[in-house]
Protein backbone atom coordinates (compact mmCIF):
# COMPACT_ATOMS: atom_id res chain seq x y z
CA UNK A 1 0.10 -0.19 -0.10
CA UNK A 2 1.89 3.24 -1.22
CA UNK A 3 0.90 6.12 1.03
CA UNK A 4 1.32 9.88 0.44
CA UNK A 5 2.85 10.47 3.91
CA UNK A 6 5.94 8.60 5.19
CA UNK A 7 4.68 9.63 8.59
CA UNK A 8 1.40 8.11 8.08
CA UNK A 9 2.91 4.90 6.65
CA UNK A 10 5.12 4.70 9.74
CA UNK A 11 2.24 4.94 12.16
CA UNK A 12 0.25 2.37 10.20
CA UNK A 13 3.12 0.05 10.52
CA UNK A 14 3.45 0.46 14.33
CA UNK A 15 -0.29 0.06 14.67
CA UNK A 16 -0.35 -2.94 12.50
CA UNK A 17 2.22 -4.58 14.80
CA UNK A 18 -0.18 -4.97 17.55
CA UNK A 19 -1.99 -8.51 17.89
CA UNK A 20 -5.32 -8.70 15.99
CA UNK A 21 -4.69 -5.37 14.06
CA UNK A 22 -4.41 -5.76 10.34
CA UNK A 23 -3.27 -2.96 7.80
CA UNK A 24 -6.72 -1.81 7.16
CA UNK A 25 -7.59 -1.44 10.78
CA UNK A 26 -4.25 0.26 11.35
CA UNK A 27 -5.05 2.70 8.59
CA UNK A 28 -8.37 3.53 10.21
CA UNK A 29 -6.93 4.02 13.51
CA UNK A 30 -4.04 6.18 12.29
CA UNK A 31 -6.45 8.39 10.39
CA UNK A 32 -8.70 8.75 13.43
CA UNK A 33 -5.69 9.83 15.48
CA UNK A 34 -4.91 12.37 12.73
CA UNK A 35 -8.37 13.84 13.01
CA UNK A 36 -8.14 14.35 16.64
CA UNK A 37 -6.88 17.59 18.55
CA UNK A 38 -3.24 17.56 19.25
CA UNK A 39 -3.59 17.57 23.12
CA UNK A 40 -5.80 14.45 22.88
CA UNK A 41 -3.25 12.43 20.78
CA UNK A 42 -0.57 13.59 23.20
CA UNK A 43 -2.55 12.32 26.25
CA UNK A 44 -2.95 9.09 24.21
CA UNK A 45 0.83 8.65 23.53
CA UNK A 46 1.70 9.70 26.91
CA UNK A 47 -0.55 7.05 28.38
CA UNK A 48 1.03 4.30 26.29
CA UNK A 49 4.56 5.43 27.09
CA UNK A 50 3.76 5.45 31.01
CA UNK A 51 2.10 2.10 30.60
CA UNK A 52 5.39 0.61 29.07
CA UNK A 53 7.95 2.48 31.39
CA UNK A 54 6.11 2.61 34.71
CA UNK A 55 4.04 -0.26 35.08
CA UNK A 56 5.58 -2.88 37.32
CA UNK A 57 4.84 -6.48 38.63
CA UNK A 58 3.79 -6.89 42.20
CA UNK A 59 6.62 -8.33 44.35
CA UNK A 60 4.15 -10.82 46.09
CA UNK A 61 1.79 -12.06 43.35
CA UNK A 62 3.41 -11.05 40.20
CA UNK A 63 0.42 -9.27 38.80
CA UNK A 64 0.70 -6.06 36.92
CA UNK A 65 0.76 -3.07 39.28
CA UNK A 66 1.40 0.55 39.60
CA UNK A 67 3.42 0.16 42.77
CA UNK A 68 5.67 -2.54 44.35
CA UNK A 69 2.77 -4.40 46.16
CA UNK A 70 -0.65 -4.44 44.21
CA UNK A 71 -3.80 -3.21 45.60
CA UNK A 72 -5.23 -6.80 46.14
CA UNK A 73 -2.13 -7.98 48.08
CA UNK A 74 -2.21 -4.73 50.10
CA UNK A 75 -6.03 -5.26 51.00
CA UNK A 76 -6.01 -6.65 54.51
CA UNK A 77 -9.63 -7.66 54.23
CA UNK A 78 -8.58 -10.38 51.54
CA UNK A 79 -8.38 -13.99 52.93
CA UNK A 80 -4.49 -14.45 52.93
CA UNK A 81 -4.76 -18.16 53.57
CA UNK A 82 -5.91 -18.86 50.10
CA UNK A 83 -3.96 -18.10 46.98
CA UNK A 84 -5.56 -18.58 43.47
CA UNK A 85 -3.05 -19.47 40.65
CA UNK A 86 -3.92 -18.00 37.22
CA UNK A 87 -2.12 -17.66 33.90
CA UNK A 88 -2.19 -13.88 33.47
CA UNK A 89 -3.83 -10.56 34.45
CA UNK A 90 -6.84 -11.18 32.20
CA UNK A 91 -7.73 -14.11 34.47
CA UNK A 92 -7.58 -12.11 37.62
CA UNK A 93 -9.96 -9.51 36.08
CA UNK A 94 -12.33 -12.16 35.10
CA UNK A 95 -12.34 -13.80 38.62
CA UNK A 96 -12.63 -10.48 40.34
CA UNK A 97 -15.72 -9.66 38.23
CA UNK A 98 -17.47 -12.70 39.58
CA UNK A 99 -17.28 -11.32 43.18
CA UNK A 100 -17.08 -15.02 44.42
CA UNK A 101 -13.49 -15.07 45.39
CA UNK A 102 -12.02 -13.12 48.44
CA UNK A 103 -8.47 -14.54 48.62
CA UNK A 104 -5.25 -13.57 46.92
CA UNK A 105 -3.65 -14.49 43.53
CA UNK A 106 -0.53 -15.72 42.02
CA UNK A 107 -0.03 -14.80 38.37
CA UNK A 108 2.15 -17.42 36.55
CA UNK A 109 2.79 -15.29 33.50
CA UNK A 110 1.83 -18.24 31.18
CA UNK A 111 1.49 -22.06 31.21
CA UNK A 112 3.78 -24.77 30.40
CA UNK A 113 4.05 -25.34 26.63
CA UNK A 114 6.98 -27.42 25.41
CA UNK A 115 5.88 -26.76 21.77
CA UNK A 116 6.36 -22.99 22.44
CA UNK A 117 9.52 -23.46 24.48
CA UNK A 118 7.87 -22.46 27.71
CA UNK A 119 8.96 -24.46 30.65
CA UNK A 120 8.44 -24.12 34.46
CA UNK A 121 11.58 -21.96 34.61
CA UNK A 122 9.89 -19.26 32.35
CA UNK A 123 6.90 -19.06 34.85
CA UNK A 124 6.67 -17.58 38.29
CA UNK A 125 6.61 -21.09 39.86
CA UNK A 126 9.65 -20.36 42.17
CA UNK A 127 7.80 -17.34 43.57
CA UNK A 128 4.71 -19.33 44.22
CA UNK A 129 6.63 -22.06 46.17
CA UNK A 130 8.45 -19.46 48.08
CA UNK A 131 5.07 -17.89 49.12
CA UNK A 132 3.85 -21.31 50.34
CA UNK A 133 7.13 -22.04 52.16
CA UNK A 134 6.65 -18.79 54.10
CA UNK A 135 3.69 -20.23 55.93
CA UNK A 136 0.09 -18.93 56.36
CA UNK A 137 -1.23 -20.45 53.03
CA UNK A 138 -3.68 -23.08 53.66
CA UNK A 139 -5.20 -23.67 50.18
CA UNK A 140 -3.82 -23.13 46.65
CA UNK A 141 -6.73 -22.96 43.97
CA UNK A 142 -5.40 -23.87 40.49
CA UNK A 143 -7.74 -21.76 38.14
CA UNK A 144 -6.05 -22.54 34.75
CA UNK A 145 -7.68 -22.84 31.31
CA UNK A 146 -9.24 -26.23 30.30
CA UNK A 147 -6.57 -26.75 27.86
CA UNK A 148 -3.76 -29.37 27.46
CA UNK A 149 -1.04 -26.85 28.67
CA UNK A 150 -3.33 -25.82 31.49
CA UNK A 151 -3.85 -29.31 32.70
CA UNK A 152 -0.05 -29.95 32.25
CA UNK A 153 0.68 -26.78 34.34
CA UNK A 154 -1.92 -27.75 37.08
CA UNK A 155 -0.42 -31.34 37.33
CA UNK A 156 3.00 -29.92 37.59
CA UNK A 157 2.07 -27.48 40.33
CA UNK A 158 0.38 -30.28 42.21
CA UNK A 159 3.44 -32.37 42.18
CA UNK A 160 5.53 -29.47 43.36
CA UNK A 161 3.16 -28.56 46.18
CA UNK A 162 2.71 -32.19 47.32
CA UNK A 163 3.93 -32.81 50.66
CA UNK A 164 3.77 -29.01 51.74
CA UNK A 165 0.52 -29.59 53.90
CA UNK A 166 -1.29 -27.11 51.73
CA UNK A 167 -4.66 -28.22 50.15
CA UNK A 168 -4.40 -28.05 46.35
CA UNK A 169 -7.73 -27.65 44.58
CA UNK A 170 -8.88 -26.97 41.11
CA UNK A 171 -11.83 -25.08 39.75
CA UNK A 172 -14.93 -27.12 38.80
CA UNK A 173 -15.03 -27.94 34.93
CA UNK A 174 -17.82 -25.40 34.20
CA UNK A 175 -15.30 -24.03 31.70
CA UNK A 176 -15.51 -25.81 28.28
CA UNK A 177 -12.70 -27.93 27.14
CA UNK A 178 -10.05 -25.75 25.28
CA UNK A 179 -11.54 -22.56 26.76
CA UNK A 180 -9.72 -19.74 28.64
CA UNK A 181 -11.01 -18.30 31.84
CA UNK A 182 -11.43 -14.82 30.50
CA UNK A 183 -13.75 -16.00 27.80
CA UNK A 184 -16.31 -17.65 30.34
CA UNK A 185 -19.29 -15.65 31.52
CA UNK A 186 -19.19 -14.37 34.96
CA UNK A 187 -21.91 -16.83 36.35
CA UNK A 188 -20.09 -19.84 35.09
CA UNK A 189 -16.73 -18.89 36.24
CA UNK A 190 -18.19 -17.92 39.75
CA UNK A 191 -19.78 -21.39 39.94
CA UNK A 192 -16.51 -22.96 38.93
CA UNK A 193 -14.60 -21.21 41.74
CA UNK A 194 -17.40 -21.86 44.39
CA UNK A 195 -17.53 -25.61 43.42
CA UNK A 196 -13.69 -26.31 43.21
CA UNK A 197 -12.63 -29.67 44.33
CA UNK A 198 -9.44 -31.12 45.74
CA UNK A 199 -6.95 -31.79 42.86
CA UNK A 200 -6.94 -35.63 43.48
CA UNK A 201 -10.85 -35.76 43.48
CA UNK A 202 -11.11 -33.72 40.36
CA UNK A 203 -8.59 -36.03 38.46
CA UNK A 204 -10.65 -39.12 39.35
CA UNK A 205 -13.80 -37.79 37.66
């Protein structure tokens, strides 16, 4: 696509580099930004810059945060004896929207996927084991997607947590096979958390 402006072409290239954004959509977005007032575009670009440069990861749960310890981990009203293990921040948001869970979280940053070259060392597994080792955690809830990778990760974590004295549970299979948590409706996800089962019992079903 030959454009009359090199600057427009560069903007389209950058927007098209985002996941799910093709060249045509990138062009529409770039032209929309071009039509906006300069202060509005400056606010937009500044928000993106600050997102990249200032957002950090919670030192306790590895969730995205604006400060060293996130708001959830800082909330003394949360049940600190329960830790829900999820793949990424989208799952935290999905579970929080159900209002069915009052414990803490641990964000793995992915799932074990040998085909993609992702092993346990690429995830926040050591941090989870360290949290459990500090004491105070009575239950670890495995809330991972109903995929082969999710099941593999859950099995690995159960093995690593075996013998720690901590109850390891898994959310009920209200989530369709092959589905991700953030794609489930809030009622289904809420029931899955409320109806969680000990890992051993869930595997026998």
